[in-house]
Amino acid sequence: MTDEEVRGTNGGGAGTSGLSARALTALLLAAIFLFGLVRITANVYSYIADREGAGLATSPAIAWMLEGSSLIAWAVMMIPCWFAVRRIRPPRVPLPAAIAIHALLAIPVSLGHIALMVAFRTILWWTMGLDYHFTSPDGSPILYEFRKDLSAYVELVFILFLVQWLVARYAAPPAAAPPRATLAVGDGAVTHHLPIDEIEHVGAAGNYVEIAWRGERLLHRATLLGIEADLGPAFARIHRSRLVRKGAVRRVVTHKSGDFDVEMDSGDTLRGSRRYRGNLEG
């Protein structure tokens, strides 16, 4: 008889979404980016209104480049932030320690965001034939940006932690490979569980059958008819005393009599009877 590996299923909350972890992560990060677009849109119109209220010249294109460069810089910095949150979070790290470490990480993250933002703006301004000057209302542009980045980093850490928790909780587990059917073959005190897709051919040998598997010949006490039922449609009878796995057949040579020779992947050549020729064509 054939054996099949039985695998249980997890009836817990994980996997209920039907999305893979990668797909769910991409979906949530895309949602975060769209949320960022909504926020910078509000910032752009607020910037324009503030400038016009102060009687200053305003260019919508400049406003969009200012806010867009910041958003793209944050999108890049999200990569190291993602790994930082994955490694530095409860319960992996105690909550007080995690807060302290992230408070320190906010400094290099902010500096990275500022450097990228200034680089993007410098390139954009250069394409327009202008020079970009990194300034702020209070005269300390780095401190000015850091104060804004600090709250943005706290928000980002919380959102990334939430995304990672949602992925771990609701992403579908990787699809399990289908179990391999096996054939239990007794050989004295040893029972071999042969993967059916590795058996090449089987021949009758009195009260036994001879199974060709990985270059070996194993004798198994069974009838050829019984083994044929166990092996299933992947095997074809080519002779009243011989079965072959169709996927292991390299070529078939038919003789004038209608009988034929079957050459197997292992190099074995087996004689087939013309009455069974059609079995290899199904």
Protein backbone atom coordinates (compact mmCIF):
# COMPACT_ATOMS: atom_id res chain seq x y z
CA MET A 1 0.00 0.00 0.00
CA THR A 2 1.10 3.58 -0.53
CA ASP A 3 1.85 6.00 2.28
CA GLU A 4 1.35 9.75 2.14
CA GLU A 5 2.75 12.28 4.57
CA VAL A 6 -0.07 13.82 6.54
CA ARG A 7 0.33 17.47 7.48
CA GLY A 8 -1.85 19.31 9.90
CA THR A 9 -3.32 22.73 9.30
CA ASN A 10 -3.08 25.70 11.56
CA GLY A 11 -6.46 26.96 12.54
CA GLY A 12 -5.14 30.07 14.27
CA GLY A 13 -5.48 33.67 13.22
CA ALA A 14 -2.44 33.64 10.92
CA GLY A 15 -3.14 33.13 7.29
CA THR A 16 -6.72 34.37 7.28
CA SER A 17 -5.99 37.15 4.80
CA GLY A 18 -4.95 34.83 1.98
CA LEU A 19 -2.05 37.20 1.09
CA SER A 20 1.60 36.22 1.32
CA ALA A 21 3.81 38.09 3.78
CA ARG A 22 5.56 39.88 0.90
CA ALA A 23 2.29 40.92 -0.76
CA LEU A 24 0.75 42.12 2.51
CA THR A 25 3.90 44.07 3.39
CA ALA A 26 3.96 45.74 -0.04
CA LEU A 27 0.27 46.60 0.26
CA LEU A 28 0.67 48.19 3.68
CA LEU A 29 3.80 50.13 2.71
CA ALA A 30 2.04 51.39 -0.42
CA ALA A 31 -0.82 52.56 1.81
CA ILE A 32 1.71 54.41 3.99
CA PHE A 33 3.22 56.09 0.93
CA LEU A 34 -0.23 57.14 -0.31
CA PHE A 35 -0.94 58.54 3.15
CA GLY A 36 2.32 60.50 2.83
CA LEU A 37 1.14 61.91 -0.50
CA VAL A 38 -2.08 63.08 1.12
CA ARG A 39 -0.10 64.76 3.89
CA ILE A 40 2.31 66.56 1.58
CA THR A 41 -0.63 67.74 -0.53
CA ALA A 42 -2.04 69.38 2.59
CA ASN A 43 1.42 70.78 3.41
CA VAL A 44 1.82 72.21 -0.08
CA TYR A 45 -1.44 74.16 0.04
CA SER A 46 -0.70 75.26 3.60
CA TYR A 47 2.73 76.51 2.49
CA ILE A 48 1.21 78.39 -0.43
CA ALA A 49 -1.43 79.98 1.80
CA ASP A 50 1.16 81.03 4.39
CA ARG A 51 3.38 82.60 1.74
CA GLU A 52 0.51 84.46 0.13
CA GLY A 53 -0.71 85.63 3.54
CA ALA A 54 2.73 87.12 4.16
CA GLY A 55 2.67 88.83 0.76
CA LEU A 56 5.52 86.70 -0.63
CA ALA A 57 5.83 85.33 -4.16
CA THR A 58 4.71 81.72 -4.38
CA SER A 59 5.42 79.02 -6.96
CA PRO A 60 3.28 75.86 -6.68
CA ALA A 61 6.01 73.91 -8.49
CA ILE A 62 8.59 74.94 -5.89
CA ALA A 63 6.20 74.02 -3.07
CA TRP A 64 5.66 70.56 -4.57
CA MET A 65 9.40 70.02 -5.02
CA LEU A 66 10.10 71.03 -1.45
CA GLU A 67 7.55 68.63 0.03
CA GLY A 68 8.09 65.87 -2.55
CA SER A 69 11.85 65.75 -1.98
CA SER A 70 11.22 65.32 1.73
CA LEU A 71 8.75 62.49 1.12
CA ILE A 72 11.12 60.65 -1.22
CA ALA A 73 13.95 61.05 1.27
CA TRP A 74 11.75 59.51 3.98
CA ALA A 75 10.82 56.66 1.60
CA VAL A 76 14.53 55.86 1.25
CA MET A 77 15.18 56.15 5.00
CA MET A 78 12.28 53.79 5.60
CA ILE A 79 14.55 50.91 4.55
CA PRO A 80 17.02 51.15 7.49
CA CYS A 81 14.13 52.11 9.78
CA TRP A 82 12.31 48.90 8.79
CA PHE A 83 15.25 46.75 9.87
CA ALA A 84 15.80 48.80 13.03
CA VAL A 85 12.18 48.30 14.09
CA ARG A 86 12.33 44.57 13.28
CA ARG A 87 15.35 44.08 15.53
CA ILE A 88 14.68 46.66 18.25
CA ARG A 89 11.17 46.11 19.52
CA PRO A 90 9.38 44.32 22.34
CA PRO A 91 9.49 41.49 23.26
CA ARG A 92 12.89 41.07 21.57
CA VAL A 93 14.13 44.14 23.46
CA PRO A 94 12.56 45.42 26.71
CA LEU A 95 10.31 48.44 26.12
CA PRO A 96 12.43 51.01 28.06
CA ALA A 97 15.59 49.91 26.24
CA ALA A 98 13.81 49.96 22.86
CA ILE A 99 12.60 53.52 23.49
CA ALA A 100 16.09 54.66 24.50
CA ILE A 101 17.75 53.05 21.47
CA HIS A 102 15.23 54.53 19.05
CA ALA A 103 15.66 57.95 20.66
CA LEU A 104 19.36 57.73 19.81
CA LEU A 105 18.68 56.34 16.33
CA ALA A 106 16.50 59.37 15.58
CA ILE A 107 19.66 61.47 15.24
CA PRO A 108 21.38 59.55 12.40
CA VAL A 109 18.01 58.90 10.74
CA SER A 110 17.24 62.63 10.72
CA LEU A 111 20.70 63.46 9.39
CA GLY A 112 20.23 60.89 6.64
CA HIS A 113 16.84 62.33 5.76
CA ILE A 114 18.23 65.87 5.67
CA ALA A 115 21.22 64.86 3.51
CA LEU A 116 19.01 63.06 0.98
CA MET A 117 16.45 65.85 0.95
CA VAL A 118 19.09 68.52 0.32
CA ALA A 119 20.71 66.36 -2.39
CA PHE A 120 17.39 65.88 -4.19
CA ARG A 121 16.57 69.58 -3.98
CA THR A 122 20.02 70.58 -5.18
CA ILE A 123 19.60 68.37 -8.26
CA LEU A 124 16.08 69.66 -8.94
CA TRP A 125 17.13 73.28 -8.62
CA TRP A 126 20.16 72.62 -10.83
CA THR A 127 17.94 71.24 -13.60
CA MET A 128 16.09 74.57 -13.52
CA GLY A 129 19.34 76.55 -13.68
CA LEU A 130 19.03 77.70 -10.06
CA ASP A 131 21.03 77.29 -6.86
CA TYR A 132 19.39 75.68 -3.84
CA HIS A 133 20.13 77.23 -0.45
CA PHE A 134 19.41 75.16 2.64
CA THR A 135 17.83 77.68 5.02
CA SER A 136 15.18 77.84 7.74
CA PRO A 137 13.09 80.55 9.41
CA ASP A 138 15.12 80.40 12.63
CA GLY A 139 18.51 80.43 10.93
CA SER A 140 19.46 76.91 12.11
CA PRO A 141 18.25 74.64 9.29
CA ILE A 142 19.59 71.36 10.73
CA LEU A 143 18.01 71.93 14.16
CA TYR A 144 14.84 73.16 12.49
CA GLU A 145 14.56 70.00 10.38
CA PHE A 146 15.58 67.76 13.28
CA ARG A 147 12.70 69.01 15.43
CA LYS A 148 10.29 68.10 12.63
CA ASP A 149 12.05 64.80 11.91
CA LEU A 150 11.88 63.72 15.54
CA SER A 151 8.10 63.58 15.55
CA ALA A 152 8.13 62.04 12.05
CA TYR A 153 10.52 59.31 13.23
CA VAL A 154 8.34 58.46 16.23
CA GLU A 155 5.34 58.22 13.94
CA LEU A 156 7.27 56.10 11.43
CA VAL A 157 8.55 53.68 14.08
CA PHE A 158 5.04 53.16 15.39
CA ILE A 159 3.62 52.62 11.88
CA LEU A 160 6.37 50.18 10.89
CA PHE A 161 5.91 48.26 14.12
CA LEU A 162 2.19 48.05 13.37
CA VAL A 163 2.85 46.89 9.79
CA GLN A 164 5.24 44.17 10.94
CA TRP A 165 2.77 43.02 13.59
CA LEU A 166 -0.05 42.86 11.03
CA VAL A 167 2.11 40.90 8.58
CA ALA A 168 3.15 38.42 11.27
CA ARG A 169 -0.44 38.08 12.46
CA TYR A 170 -2.44 37.96 9.26
CA ALA A 171 -0.18 37.05 6.32
CA ALA A 172 -0.88 33.66 4.78
CA PRO A 173 1.85 31.08 5.46
CA PRO A 174 3.95 29.95 2.48
CA ALA A 175 2.20 27.31 0.43
CA ALA A 176 3.34 23.88 1.56
CA ALA A 177 4.70 21.55 -1.10
CA PRO A 178 2.31 18.71 -1.88
CA PRO A 179 3.19 15.56 0.06
CA ARG A 180 5.10 12.90 -1.87
CA ALA A 181 3.35 9.58 -2.20
CA THR A 182 5.53 6.66 -1.10
CA LEU A 183 5.44 2.91 -1.33
CA ALA A 184 6.24 0.87 1.78
CA VAL A 185 8.58 -1.96 0.73
CA GLY A 186 9.65 -4.60 3.24
CA ASP A 187 13.23 -5.85 2.93
CA GLY A 188 13.80 -8.28 5.77
CA ALA A 189 13.73 -6.30 9.03
CA VAL A 190 13.90 -3.00 7.13
CA THR A 191 10.95 -1.19 5.60
CA HIS A 192 11.82 1.27 2.85
CA HIS A 193 9.44 4.12 2.05
CA LEU A 194 10.16 4.69 -1.61
CA PRO A 195 8.94 7.90 -3.26
CA ILE A 196 6.73 6.69 -6.08
CA ASP A 197 8.12 9.33 -8.44
CA GLU A 198 11.58 7.76 -8.00
CA ILE A 199 10.56 4.19 -8.86
CA GLU A 200 11.51 3.46 -12.47
CA HIS A 201 9.97 0.08 -13.25
CA VAL A 202 8.52 -2.97 -11.54
CA GLY A 203 8.61 -6.59 -12.72
CA ALA A 204 6.89 -9.77 -11.54
CA ALA A 205 9.18 -12.33 -9.87
CA GLY A 206 7.12 -15.31 -8.71
CA ASN A 207 5.43 -14.40 -5.43
CA TYR A 208 7.35 -11.16 -5.38
CA VAL A 209 7.83 -8.09 -7.45
CA GLU A 210 11.22 -6.59 -8.29
CA ILE A 211 11.30 -2.81 -7.91
CA ALA A 212 13.93 -0.73 -9.72
CA TRP A 213 14.75 2.28 -7.56
CA ARG A 214 17.87 4.46 -7.69
CA GLY A 215 19.85 1.76 -9.45
CA GLU A 216 18.88 -0.89 -6.88
CA ARG A 217 16.60 -3.91 -7.18
CA LEU A 218 14.34 -4.48 -4.20
CA LEU A 219 12.19 -7.57 -3.79
CA HIS A 220 8.78 -6.97 -2.30
CA ARG A 221 6.21 -9.64 -1.48
CA ALA A 222 3.19 -8.52 -3.49
CA THR A 223 1.41 -9.16 -6.76
CA LEU A 224 2.03 -7.05 -9.81
CA LEU A 225 -1.71 -6.33 -10.01
CA GLY A 226 -1.73 -5.05 -6.43
CA ILE A 227 1.36 -2.89 -6.97
CA GLU A 228 -0.18 -1.49 -10.15
CA ALA A 229 -3.19 -0.25 -8.18
CA ASP A 230 -0.94 1.30 -5.53
CA LEU A 231 1.33 3.10 -7.98
CA GLY A 232 -1.53 4.75 -9.85
CA PRO A 233 -1.80 6.27 -13.34
CA ALA A 234 1.81 7.45 -13.47
CA PHE A 235 2.74 3.84 -14.29
CA ALA A 236 1.81 1.85 -17.37
CA ARG A 237 1.83 -1.88 -17.99
CA ILE A 238 3.98 -2.71 -21.01
CA HIS A 239 3.93 -6.50 -20.50
CA ARG A 240 1.90 -8.89 -18.44
CA SER A 241 4.87 -9.01 -16.06
CA ARG A 242 6.19 -5.44 -16.27
CA LEU A 243 5.20 -1.90 -15.23
CA VAL A 244 7.13 1.27 -16.08
CA ARG A 245 6.87 4.84 -14.84
CA LYS A 246 5.84 6.84 -17.89
CA GLY A 247 7.86 9.86 -16.82
CA ALA A 248 11.07 7.74 -16.82
CA VAL A 249 10.65 6.47 -20.39
CA ARG A 250 13.35 7.90 -22.65
CA ARG A 251 12.22 6.37 -25.93
CA VAL A 252 10.20 3.52 -27.43
CA VAL A 253 11.35 1.41 -30.37
CA THR A 254 8.59 -0.57 -32.11
CA HIS A 255 9.42 -3.75 -34.01
CA LYS A 256 7.69 -5.20 -37.10
CA SER A 257 5.92 -7.73 -34.92
CA GLY A 258 4.25 -4.91 -32.98
CA ASP A 259 6.27 -5.67 -29.86
CA PHE A 260 8.52 -2.86 -28.66
CA ASP A 261 11.50 -1.98 -26.53
CA VAL A 262 11.32 0.71 -23.87
CA GLU A 263 14.54 2.54 -23.02
CA MET A 264 14.46 4.02 -19.51
CA ASP A 265 16.34 7.01 -18.09
CA SER A 266 18.66 4.65 -16.21
CA GLY A 267 19.66 2.98 -19.49
CA ASP A 268 17.67 -0.19 -18.86
CA THR A 269 15.91 -1.58 -21.93
CA LEU A 270 12.68 -3.46 -21.29
CA ARG A 271 10.64 -5.56 -23.72
CA GLY A 272 7.00 -4.62 -24.18
CA SER A 273 4.16 -6.60 -25.65
CA ARG A 274 2.16 -5.17 -28.57
CA ARG A 275 -1.12 -5.64 -26.73
CA TYR A 276 0.04 -3.03 -24.18
CA ARG A 277 1.52 -0.54 -26.67
CA GLY A 278 -1.38 1.87 -26.26
CA ASN A 279 -0.76 2.20 -22.50
CA LEU A 280 2.27 4.41 -23.15
CA GLU A 281 0.29 6.76 -25.33
CA GLY A 282 -2.31 7.66 -22.70
